[in-house]
């Protein structure tokens, strides 16, 4: 595992607790020498992730659409930000650049990106690791929804094997080290 696509919020309105946690994650990914692929914005968790990883000496690649440059504020401190035309191009660029996926707290866009890589994994289009970072139990309703779909036979039991829920920083660090050793 050499690179990781990170999906997360671009909102500046969320609790500082989430920013502090994502700052630690950015540093960890940099220390683990994982190239971060992210949405290219300078706001919210996206901006915090990029800033902390870069400050820790990490490699960061942003992918942003022309449409979002002013909305998510293209990260001008990053010299590796690719501008694409459409959201679809953005997602495929991030997907193709990543060996794994990390789902941090986020909104509808983050959910959409998660479900896309999850459904592609279910369809055997890739076998890349997908991690849900469940900080402060943020993703509990998502995990419960997936379990509800499995219970009602809308998804197979094997769906649980398509992703791994990470509860905290030390679990993420351990998971990254396990993957590095293999």
N, C-alpha and C. Protein backbone atom coordinates (compact mmCIF):
# COMPACT_ATOMS: atom_id res chain seq x y z
N UNK A 1 0.86 -1.17 0.00
CA UNK A 1 0.00 0.00 0.00
C UNK A 1 0.90 1.23 0.00
N UNK A 2 0.82 2.00 -1.09
CA UNK A 2 1.66 3.19 -1.22
C UNK A 2 0.87 4.48 -1.23
N UNK A 3 -0.42 4.38 -1.50
CA UNK A 3 -1.25 5.60 -1.57
C UNK A 3 -2.63 5.31 -1.00
N UNK A 4 -3.26 6.39 -0.56
CA UNK A 4 -4.58 6.25 0.05
C UNK A 4 -5.45 7.44 -0.34
N UNK A 5 -6.62 7.15 -0.90
CA UNK A 5 -7.58 8.21 -1.20
C UNK A 5 -8.36 8.47 0.08
N UNK A 6 -8.43 9.73 0.47
CA UNK A 6 -9.13 10.09 1.69
C UNK A 6 -10.34 10.93 1.32
N UNK A 7 -11.52 10.48 1.72
CA UNK A 7 -12.77 11.19 1.48
C UNK A 7 -13.23 11.79 2.81
N UNK A 8 -13.56 13.07 2.80
CA UNK A 8 -13.96 13.73 4.04
C UNK A 8 -14.65 15.06 3.76
N UNK A 9 -15.07 15.70 4.82
CA UNK A 9 -15.83 16.94 4.76
C UNK A 9 -14.99 18.13 4.31
N UNK A 10 -15.64 19.04 3.60
CA UNK A 10 -15.01 20.31 3.25
C UNK A 10 -15.65 21.46 4.05
N UNK A 11 -16.46 21.13 5.02
CA UNK A 11 -17.18 22.15 5.80
C UNK A 11 -16.29 22.76 6.88
N UNK A 12 -16.35 24.07 7.01
CA UNK A 12 -15.66 24.78 8.08
C UNK A 12 -16.54 24.94 9.32
N UNK A 13 -17.75 24.39 9.28
CA UNK A 13 -18.71 24.58 10.38
C UNK A 13 -18.70 23.46 11.41
N UNK A 14 -17.87 22.46 11.22
CA UNK A 14 -17.88 21.30 12.11
C UNK A 14 -17.02 21.55 13.36
N UNK A 15 -17.20 20.71 14.35
CA UNK A 15 -16.49 20.83 15.62
C UNK A 15 -14.98 20.73 15.43
N UNK A 16 -14.25 21.54 16.18
CA UNK A 16 -12.79 21.54 16.15
C UNK A 16 -12.22 20.17 16.52
N UNK A 17 -12.97 19.39 17.28
CA UNK A 17 -12.55 18.04 17.67
C UNK A 17 -12.22 17.20 16.44
N UNK A 18 -13.04 17.32 15.39
CA UNK A 18 -12.81 16.56 14.17
C UNK A 18 -11.56 17.06 13.45
N UNK A 19 -11.36 18.38 13.41
CA UNK A 19 -10.15 18.93 12.78
C UNK A 19 -8.90 18.44 13.50
N UNK A 20 -8.92 18.44 14.82
CA UNK A 20 -7.77 17.99 15.59
C UNK A 20 -7.44 16.52 15.29
N UNK A 21 -8.48 15.70 15.19
CA UNK A 21 -8.27 14.28 14.90
C UNK A 21 -7.71 14.08 13.50
N UNK A 22 -8.25 14.82 12.54
CA UNK A 22 -7.78 14.69 11.15
C UNK A 22 -6.35 15.20 11.02
N UNK A 23 -5.99 16.19 11.80
CA UNK A 23 -4.61 16.66 11.81
C UNK A 23 -3.66 15.53 12.21
N UNK A 24 -4.03 14.77 13.21
CA UNK A 24 -3.24 13.61 13.65
C UNK A 24 -3.17 12.56 12.55
N UNK A 25 -4.27 12.36 11.84
CA UNK A 25 -4.30 11.37 10.76
C UNK A 25 -3.38 11.80 9.63
N UNK A 26 -3.41 13.07 9.28
CA UNK A 26 -2.52 13.57 8.23
C UNK A 26 -1.06 13.31 8.57
N UNK A 27 -0.69 13.58 9.82
CA UNK A 27 0.68 13.33 10.28
C UNK A 27 1.01 11.85 10.22
N UNK A 28 0.07 11.02 10.66
CA UNK A 28 0.29 9.57 10.65
C UNK A 28 0.51 9.06 9.22
N UNK A 29 -0.33 9.47 8.30
CA UNK A 29 -0.20 9.02 6.91
C UNK A 29 1.14 9.46 6.33
N UNK A 30 1.58 10.68 6.68
CA UNK A 30 2.88 11.17 6.22
C UNK A 30 4.00 10.31 6.81
N UNK A 31 3.92 10.02 8.10
CA UNK A 31 4.94 9.20 8.76
C UNK A 31 5.00 7.80 8.17
N UNK A 32 3.85 7.29 7.77
CA UNK A 32 3.79 5.94 7.17
C UNK A 32 4.16 5.95 5.69
N UNK A 33 4.54 7.12 5.19
CA UNK A 33 4.97 7.29 3.78
C UNK A 33 3.88 6.92 2.78
N UNK A 34 2.62 7.19 3.16
CA UNK A 34 1.50 6.95 2.26
C UNK A 34 1.18 8.24 1.52
N UNK A 35 1.18 8.18 0.21
CA UNK A 35 0.77 9.33 -0.59
C UNK A 35 -0.72 9.53 -0.42
N UNK A 36 -1.12 10.74 -0.06
CA UNK A 36 -2.52 11.05 0.16
C UNK A 36 -3.12 11.61 -1.12
N UNK A 37 -4.23 11.02 -1.54
CA UNK A 37 -5.01 11.52 -2.67
C UNK A 37 -6.29 12.08 -2.06
N UNK A 38 -6.58 13.35 -2.30
CA UNK A 38 -7.77 13.93 -1.68
C UNK A 38 -8.40 14.93 -2.63
N UNK A 39 -9.49 15.55 -2.23
CA UNK A 39 -10.30 16.39 -3.10
C UNK A 39 -9.73 17.73 -3.50
N UNK A 40 -8.54 18.08 -3.03
CA UNK A 40 -7.85 19.28 -3.50
C UNK A 40 -8.29 20.59 -2.86
N UNK A 41 -9.25 20.54 -1.94
CA UNK A 41 -9.74 21.76 -1.31
C UNK A 41 -8.91 22.17 -0.11
N UNK A 42 -9.14 23.41 0.32
CA UNK A 42 -8.40 23.98 1.44
C UNK A 42 -9.32 24.26 2.61
N UNK A 43 -10.51 23.69 2.61
CA UNK A 43 -11.49 23.95 3.66
C UNK A 43 -11.78 22.68 4.45
N UNK A 44 -12.28 22.87 5.66
CA UNK A 44 -12.75 21.75 6.47
C UNK A 44 -11.69 20.70 6.71
N UNK A 45 -12.14 19.47 6.80
CA UNK A 45 -11.23 18.36 7.06
C UNK A 45 -10.26 18.15 5.92
N UNK A 46 -10.72 18.44 4.70
CA UNK A 46 -9.81 18.31 3.55
C UNK A 46 -8.58 19.19 3.72
N UNK A 47 -8.82 20.45 4.05
CA UNK A 47 -7.71 21.38 4.23
C UNK A 47 -6.82 20.98 5.40
N UNK A 48 -7.43 20.55 6.49
CA UNK A 48 -6.66 20.13 7.67
C UNK A 48 -5.79 18.93 7.36
N UNK A 49 -6.33 17.96 6.66
CA UNK A 49 -5.59 16.76 6.28
C UNK A 49 -4.38 17.13 5.45
N UNK A 50 -4.60 17.93 4.41
CA UNK A 50 -3.52 18.32 3.51
C UNK A 50 -2.44 19.10 4.25
N UNK A 51 -2.86 20.07 5.04
CA UNK A 51 -1.91 20.91 5.77
C UNK A 51 -1.06 20.09 6.74
N UNK A 52 -1.69 19.24 7.52
CA UNK A 52 -0.94 18.48 8.52
C UNK A 52 0.00 17.47 7.87
N UNK A 53 -0.45 16.83 6.80
CA UNK A 53 0.41 15.86 6.11
C UNK A 53 1.61 16.55 5.46
N UNK A 54 1.37 17.67 4.83
CA UNK A 54 2.45 18.41 4.18
C UNK A 54 3.46 18.89 5.21
N UNK A 55 2.98 19.43 6.31
CA UNK A 55 3.88 19.91 7.37
C UNK A 55 4.72 18.78 7.96
N UNK A 56 4.19 17.55 7.90
CA UNK A 56 4.92 16.40 8.42
C UNK A 56 5.80 15.76 7.34
N UNK A 57 5.90 16.40 6.18
CA UNK A 57 6.76 15.90 5.11
C UNK A 57 6.11 14.89 4.19
N UNK A 58 4.79 14.78 4.26
CA UNK A 58 4.08 13.80 3.43
C UNK A 58 3.84 14.29 2.01
N UNK A 59 3.54 13.33 1.16
CA UNK A 59 3.20 13.64 -0.24
C UNK A 59 1.69 13.69 -0.37
N UNK A 60 1.18 14.75 -0.96
CA UNK A 60 -0.26 14.97 -1.08
C UNK A 60 -0.58 15.33 -2.53
N UNK A 61 -1.60 14.68 -3.07
CA UNK A 61 -2.09 15.00 -4.41
C UNK A 61 -3.56 15.36 -4.30
N UNK A 62 -3.91 16.55 -4.76
CA UNK A 62 -5.30 16.98 -4.76
C UNK A 62 -5.91 16.87 -6.14
N UNK A 63 -7.20 16.60 -6.19
CA UNK A 63 -7.94 16.55 -7.46
C UNK A 63 -9.21 17.35 -7.24
N UNK A 64 -9.38 18.41 -7.99
CA UNK A 64 -10.52 19.30 -7.81
C UNK A 64 -11.11 19.65 -9.18
N UNK A 65 -12.40 19.91 -9.20
CA UNK A 65 -13.03 20.33 -10.46
C UNK A 65 -12.96 21.85 -10.58
N UNK A 66 -13.02 22.31 -11.80
CA UNK A 66 -13.07 23.75 -12.07
C UNK A 66 -14.22 24.38 -11.29
N UNK A 67 -15.34 23.69 -11.26
CA UNK A 67 -16.55 24.15 -10.58
C UNK A 67 -16.35 24.37 -9.08
N UNK A 68 -15.50 23.53 -8.45
CA UNK A 68 -15.32 23.60 -7.00
C UNK A 68 -14.16 24.48 -6.54
N UNK A 69 -13.39 25.01 -7.47
CA UNK A 69 -12.23 25.82 -7.08
C UNK A 69 -12.62 26.94 -6.12
N UNK A 70 -13.69 27.64 -6.39
CA UNK A 70 -14.10 28.73 -5.52
C UNK A 70 -14.95 28.27 -4.34
N UNK A 71 -15.64 27.14 -4.47
CA UNK A 71 -16.50 26.64 -3.39
C UNK A 71 -15.66 25.99 -2.29
N UNK A 72 -14.77 25.08 -2.68
CA UNK A 72 -13.93 24.38 -1.70
C UNK A 72 -12.55 25.04 -1.58
N UNK A 73 -12.36 26.12 -2.25
CA UNK A 73 -11.09 26.87 -2.28
C UNK A 73 -9.93 25.95 -2.61
N UNK A 74 -9.55 25.93 -3.86
CA UNK A 74 -8.39 25.13 -4.28
C UNK A 74 -7.23 25.42 -3.35
N UNK A 75 -6.58 24.38 -2.93
CA UNK A 75 -5.47 24.51 -2.00
C UNK A 75 -4.25 25.06 -2.73
N UNK A 76 -4.02 26.35 -2.62
CA UNK A 76 -2.91 26.98 -3.35
C UNK A 76 -1.55 26.69 -2.70
N UNK A 77 -1.55 26.20 -1.47
CA UNK A 77 -0.28 25.85 -0.84
C UNK A 77 0.23 24.49 -1.33
N UNK A 78 -0.63 23.72 -1.97
CA UNK A 78 -0.22 22.44 -2.55
C UNK A 78 0.14 22.66 -4.02
N UNK A 79 1.32 22.22 -4.41
CA UNK A 79 1.70 22.38 -5.81
C UNK A 79 1.30 21.16 -6.64
N UNK A 80 0.68 20.19 -6.02
CA UNK A 80 0.26 18.99 -6.73
C UNK A 80 -1.27 18.87 -6.69
N UNK A 81 -1.95 19.83 -7.28
CA UNK A 81 -3.40 19.81 -7.36
C UNK A 81 -3.78 19.76 -8.84
N UNK A 82 -4.47 18.73 -9.21
CA UNK A 82 -4.91 18.57 -10.59
C UNK A 82 -6.33 19.10 -10.73
N UNK A 83 -6.57 19.89 -11.75
CA UNK A 83 -7.90 20.43 -12.02
C UNK A 83 -8.51 19.62 -13.15
N UNK A 84 -9.72 19.10 -12.90
CA UNK A 84 -10.44 18.32 -13.90
C UNK A 84 -11.78 19.00 -14.18
N UNK A 85 -12.46 18.53 -15.20
CA UNK A 85 -13.70 19.17 -15.62
C UNK A 85 -14.94 18.76 -14.84
N UNK A 86 -15.05 17.47 -14.51
CA UNK A 86 -16.29 16.98 -13.91
C UNK A 86 -16.01 16.21 -12.62
N UNK A 87 -17.07 16.05 -11.82
CA UNK A 87 -16.96 15.26 -10.60
C UNK A 87 -16.61 13.81 -10.93
N UNK A 88 -17.15 13.30 -12.03
CA UNK A 88 -16.83 11.93 -12.41
C UNK A 88 -15.33 11.79 -12.69
N UNK A 89 -14.76 12.76 -13.40
CA UNK A 89 -13.32 12.73 -13.66
C UNK A 89 -12.53 12.81 -12.35
N UNK A 90 -13.01 13.63 -11.43
CA UNK A 90 -12.34 13.76 -10.14
C UNK A 90 -12.32 12.43 -9.41
N UNK A 91 -13.47 11.77 -9.36
CA UNK A 91 -13.56 10.50 -8.63
C UNK A 91 -12.72 9.42 -9.28
N UNK A 92 -12.72 9.34 -10.60
CA UNK A 92 -11.95 8.29 -11.26
C UNK A 92 -10.46 8.56 -11.13
N UNK A 93 -10.05 9.82 -11.15
CA UNK A 93 -8.64 10.16 -10.94
C UNK A 93 -8.20 9.76 -9.53
N UNK A 94 -9.03 10.05 -8.55
CA UNK A 94 -8.70 9.67 -7.17
C UNK A 94 -8.65 8.15 -7.04
N UNK A 95 -9.64 7.48 -7.62
CA UNK A 95 -9.70 6.01 -7.56
C UNK A 95 -8.45 5.40 -8.20
N UNK A 96 -8.11 5.85 -9.40
CA UNK A 96 -6.98 5.28 -10.12
C UNK A 96 -5.64 5.57 -9.45
N UNK A 97 -5.56 6.64 -8.68
CA UNK A 97 -4.31 7.03 -8.02
C UNK A 97 -4.10 6.35 -6.68
N UNK A 98 -5.11 5.66 -6.18
CA UNK A 98 -5.06 5.14 -4.81
C UNK A 98 -4.98 3.62 -4.76
N UNK A 99 -4.25 3.14 -3.74
CA UNK A 99 -4.18 1.70 -3.44
C UNK A 99 -5.18 1.31 -2.37
N UNK A 100 -5.76 2.31 -1.70
CA UNK A 100 -6.70 2.06 -0.60
C UNK A 100 -7.55 3.32 -0.39
N UNK A 101 -8.56 3.19 0.46
CA UNK A 101 -9.50 4.30 0.69
C UNK A 101 -9.75 4.46 2.18
N UNK A 102 -9.79 5.72 2.62
CA UNK A 102 -10.07 6.04 4.00
C UNK A 102 -11.25 7.01 4.03
N UNK A 103 -12.31 6.59 4.71
CA UNK A 103 -13.53 7.39 4.79
C UNK A 103 -13.56 8.07 6.15
N UNK A 104 -13.29 9.37 6.15
CA UNK A 104 -13.35 10.17 7.37
C UNK A 104 -14.74 10.78 7.49
N UNK A 105 -15.08 11.38 8.62
CA UNK A 105 -16.38 12.03 8.73
C UNK A 105 -16.62 13.03 7.59
N UNK A 106 -17.83 13.00 7.07
CA UNK A 106 -18.18 13.87 5.96
C UNK A 106 -19.67 13.87 5.72
N UNK A 107 -20.05 14.49 4.63
CA UNK A 107 -21.46 14.64 4.31
C UNK A 107 -21.87 13.77 3.13
N UNK A 108 -22.81 14.27 2.37
CA UNK A 108 -23.38 13.52 1.24
C UNK A 108 -22.32 13.15 0.21
N UNK A 109 -21.42 14.07 -0.10
CA UNK A 109 -20.36 13.78 -1.07
C UNK A 109 -19.47 12.64 -0.60
N UNK A 110 -19.13 12.65 0.67
CA UNK A 110 -18.31 11.58 1.23
C UNK A 110 -19.04 10.25 1.17
N UNK A 111 -20.33 10.26 1.49
CA UNK A 111 -21.13 9.04 1.38
C UNK A 111 -21.16 8.52 -0.05
N UNK A 112 -21.35 9.42 -0.98
CA UNK A 112 -21.42 9.02 -2.38
C UNK A 112 -20.11 8.39 -2.83
N UNK A 113 -19.00 8.98 -2.42
CA UNK A 113 -17.69 8.43 -2.79
C UNK A 113 -17.47 7.06 -2.12
N UNK A 114 -17.87 6.95 -0.86
CA UNK A 114 -17.75 5.67 -0.17
C UNK A 114 -18.55 4.58 -0.87
N UNK A 115 -19.83 4.88 -1.15
CA UNK A 115 -20.67 3.85 -1.76
C UNK A 115 -20.20 3.47 -3.16
N UNK A 116 -19.60 4.39 -3.86
CA UNK A 116 -19.08 4.05 -5.18
C UNK A 116 -17.94 3.04 -5.07
N UNK A 117 -16.93 3.32 -4.21
CA UNK A 117 -15.83 2.37 -4.10
C UNK A 117 -16.27 1.06 -3.45
N UNK A 118 -17.25 1.13 -2.56
CA UNK A 118 -17.77 -0.09 -1.94
C UNK A 118 -18.52 -0.94 -2.97
N UNK A 119 -19.37 -0.32 -3.77
CA UNK A 119 -20.11 -1.10 -4.77
C UNK A 119 -19.17 -1.66 -5.83
N UNK A 120 -18.14 -0.91 -6.21
CA UNK A 120 -17.16 -1.43 -7.16
C UNK A 120 -16.42 -2.64 -6.57
N UNK A 121 -16.16 -2.58 -5.26
CA UNK A 121 -15.50 -3.72 -4.62
C UNK A 121 -16.44 -4.92 -4.60
N UNK A 122 -17.71 -4.68 -4.30
CA UNK A 122 -18.69 -5.77 -4.29
C UNK A 122 -18.81 -6.42 -5.67
N UNK A 123 -18.63 -5.62 -6.72
CA UNK A 123 -18.70 -6.12 -8.09
C UNK A 123 -17.37 -6.71 -8.57
N UNK A 124 -16.40 -6.80 -7.66
CA UNK A 124 -15.07 -7.33 -7.96
C UNK A 124 -14.32 -6.52 -9.01
N UNK A 125 -14.58 -5.22 -9.04
CA UNK A 125 -13.82 -4.34 -9.94
C UNK A 125 -12.50 -3.91 -9.32
N UNK A 126 -12.38 -4.10 -8.02
CA UNK A 126 -11.11 -3.86 -7.32
C UNK A 126 -11.11 -4.66 -6.03
N UNK A 127 -9.93 -4.78 -5.45
CA UNK A 127 -9.79 -5.44 -4.15
C UNK A 127 -8.97 -4.56 -3.20
N UNK A 128 -9.11 -3.26 -3.34
CA UNK A 128 -8.37 -2.31 -2.52
C UNK A 128 -9.05 -2.20 -1.15
N UNK A 129 -8.25 -2.05 -0.09
CA UNK A 129 -8.84 -1.90 1.25
C UNK A 129 -9.68 -0.62 1.36
N UNK A 130 -10.79 -0.72 2.07
CA UNK A 130 -11.68 0.41 2.34
C UNK A 130 -11.83 0.50 3.86
N UNK A 131 -11.41 1.64 4.42
CA UNK A 131 -11.47 1.86 5.86
C UNK A 131 -12.47 2.95 6.18
N UNK A 132 -13.36 2.66 7.12
CA UNK A 132 -14.29 3.66 7.64
C UNK A 132 -13.74 4.11 8.99
N UNK A 133 -13.37 5.37 9.09
CA UNK A 133 -12.82 5.90 10.35
C UNK A 133 -13.98 6.43 11.18
N UNK A 134 -14.36 5.66 12.18
CA UNK A 134 -15.57 5.92 12.95
C UNK A 134 -15.27 6.76 14.21
N UNK A 135 -14.62 7.88 14.00
CA UNK A 135 -14.27 8.77 15.11
C UNK A 135 -15.52 9.30 15.79
N UNK A 136 -15.52 9.22 17.13
CA UNK A 136 -16.66 9.69 17.94
C UNK A 136 -17.97 9.01 17.51
N UNK A 137 -17.87 7.78 16.99
CA UNK A 137 -19.03 7.00 16.53
C UNK A 137 -19.81 7.69 15.41
N UNK A 138 -19.12 8.55 14.66
CA UNK A 138 -19.77 9.31 13.60
C UNK A 138 -20.47 8.41 12.58
N UNK A 139 -19.83 7.31 12.21
CA UNK A 139 -20.37 6.45 11.16
C UNK A 139 -21.23 5.31 11.70
N UNK A 140 -21.58 5.28 12.98
CA UNK A 140 -22.45 4.22 13.51
C UNK A 140 -23.73 4.05 12.69
N UNK A 141 -24.44 5.14 12.35
CA UNK A 141 -25.67 4.96 11.55
C UNK A 141 -25.41 4.33 10.18
N UNK A 142 -24.28 4.63 9.58
CA UNK A 142 -23.93 4.03 8.29
C UNK A 142 -23.70 2.52 8.44
N UNK A 143 -22.93 2.15 9.44
CA UNK A 143 -22.66 0.72 9.68
C UNK A 143 -23.96 -0.01 10.00
N UNK A 144 -24.82 0.62 10.79
CA UNK A 144 -26.12 0.02 11.11
C UNK A 144 -26.98 -0.14 9.87
N UNK A 145 -26.93 0.83 8.96
CA UNK A 145 -27.69 0.74 7.72
C UNK A 145 -27.21 -0.44 6.87
N UNK A 146 -25.91 -0.60 6.75
CA UNK A 146 -25.38 -1.72 5.98
C UNK A 146 -25.78 -3.04 6.63
N UNK A 147 -25.69 -3.12 7.95
CA UNK A 147 -26.12 -4.34 8.65
C UNK A 147 -27.61 -4.59 8.46
N UNK A 148 -28.42 -3.53 8.42
CA UNK A 148 -29.86 -3.64 8.17
C UNK A 148 -30.10 -4.21 6.76
N UNK A 149 -29.34 -3.75 5.78
CA UNK A 149 -29.49 -4.27 4.41
C UNK A 149 -29.13 -5.75 4.36
N UNK A 150 -28.07 -6.13 5.08
CA UNK A 150 -27.66 -7.53 5.11
C UNK A 150 -28.74 -8.39 5.78
N UNK A 151 -29.23 -7.92 6.92
CA UNK A 151 -30.26 -8.65 7.66
C UNK A 151 -31.51 -8.89 6.81
N UNK A 152 -31.83 -7.93 5.95
CA UNK A 152 -33.02 -8.04 5.11
C UNK A 152 -32.73 -8.56 3.70
N UNK A 153 -31.54 -9.12 3.53
CA UNK A 153 -31.13 -9.77 2.28
C UNK A 153 -31.04 -8.83 1.07
N UNK A 154 -30.79 -7.54 1.34
CA UNK A 154 -30.53 -6.61 0.24
C UNK A 154 -29.04 -6.55 -0.08
N UNK A 155 -28.24 -7.15 0.77
CA UNK A 155 -26.80 -7.30 0.56
C UNK A 155 -26.40 -8.61 1.23
N UNK A 156 -25.35 -9.20 0.70
CA UNK A 156 -24.89 -10.47 1.26
C UNK A 156 -24.04 -10.27 2.50
N UNK A 157 -23.92 -11.31 3.28
CA UNK A 157 -23.12 -11.28 4.50
C UNK A 157 -21.67 -10.90 4.19
N UNK A 158 -21.20 -11.23 2.98
CA UNK A 158 -19.83 -10.91 2.60
C UNK A 158 -19.58 -9.40 2.47
N UNK A 159 -20.64 -8.61 2.48
CA UNK A 159 -20.48 -7.16 2.41
C UNK A 159 -19.64 -6.65 3.59
N UNK A 160 -19.76 -7.31 4.74
CA UNK A 160 -18.99 -6.90 5.93
C UNK A 160 -17.49 -7.05 5.71
N UNK A 161 -17.11 -7.91 4.77
CA UNK A 161 -15.69 -8.11 4.47
C UNK A 161 -15.15 -7.07 3.49
N UNK A 162 -16.03 -6.27 2.91
CA UNK A 162 -15.62 -5.30 1.90
C UNK A 162 -15.04 -4.02 2.50
N UNK A 163 -15.21 -3.83 3.80
CA UNK A 163 -14.69 -2.64 4.46
C UNK A 163 -14.29 -3.00 5.89
N UNK A 164 -13.49 -2.14 6.48
CA UNK A 164 -13.09 -2.34 7.88
C UNK A 164 -13.36 -1.05 8.63
N UNK A 165 -14.04 -1.19 9.76
CA UNK A 165 -14.33 -0.03 10.62
C UNK A 165 -13.15 0.17 11.56
N UNK A 166 -12.63 1.37 11.56
CA UNK A 166 -11.52 1.77 12.44
C UNK A 166 -12.10 2.73 13.46
N UNK A 167 -11.88 2.46 14.74
CA UNK A 167 -12.52 3.26 15.80
C UNK A 167 -11.69 4.45 16.28
N UNK A 168 -10.36 4.34 16.16
CA UNK A 168 -9.53 5.42 16.70
C UNK A 168 -8.16 5.44 16.03
N UNK A 169 -7.37 6.41 16.43
CA UNK A 169 -6.06 6.64 15.83
C UNK A 169 -5.14 5.43 15.98
N UNK A 170 -5.11 4.82 17.16
CA UNK A 170 -4.21 3.69 17.37
C UNK A 170 -4.61 2.48 16.52
N UNK A 171 -5.92 2.27 16.33
CA UNK A 171 -6.37 1.18 15.45
C UNK A 171 -5.95 1.44 14.01
N UNK A 172 -6.04 2.69 13.57
CA UNK A 172 -5.63 3.03 12.21
C UNK A 172 -4.13 2.80 12.05
N UNK A 173 -3.36 3.26 13.01
CA UNK A 173 -1.91 3.07 12.96
C UNK A 173 -1.56 1.59 12.88
N UNK A 174 -2.21 0.78 13.70
CA UNK A 174 -1.98 -0.68 13.70
C UNK A 174 -2.34 -1.28 12.34
N UNK A 175 -3.49 -0.90 11.80
CA UNK A 175 -3.94 -1.43 10.50
C UNK A 175 -2.96 -1.07 9.38
N UNK A 176 -2.47 0.15 9.39
CA UNK A 176 -1.51 0.58 8.37
C UNK A 176 -0.21 -0.19 8.48
N UNK A 177 0.23 -0.45 9.69
CA UNK A 177 1.48 -1.19 9.90
C UNK A 177 1.32 -2.66 9.47
N UNK A 178 0.15 -3.24 9.76
CA UNK A 178 -0.11 -4.62 9.33
C UNK A 178 -0.04 -4.71 7.81
N UNK A 179 -0.67 -3.77 7.14
CA UNK A 179 -0.68 -3.78 5.67
C UNK A 179 0.72 -3.53 5.11
N UNK A 180 1.50 -2.72 5.80
CA UNK A 180 2.87 -2.43 5.35
C UNK A 180 3.73 -3.68 5.42
N UNK A 181 3.51 -4.49 6.46
CA UNK A 181 4.31 -5.69 6.66
C UNK A 181 3.96 -6.79 5.66
N UNK A 182 2.74 -6.79 5.15
CA UNK A 182 2.30 -7.84 4.22
C UNK A 182 2.67 -7.56 2.80
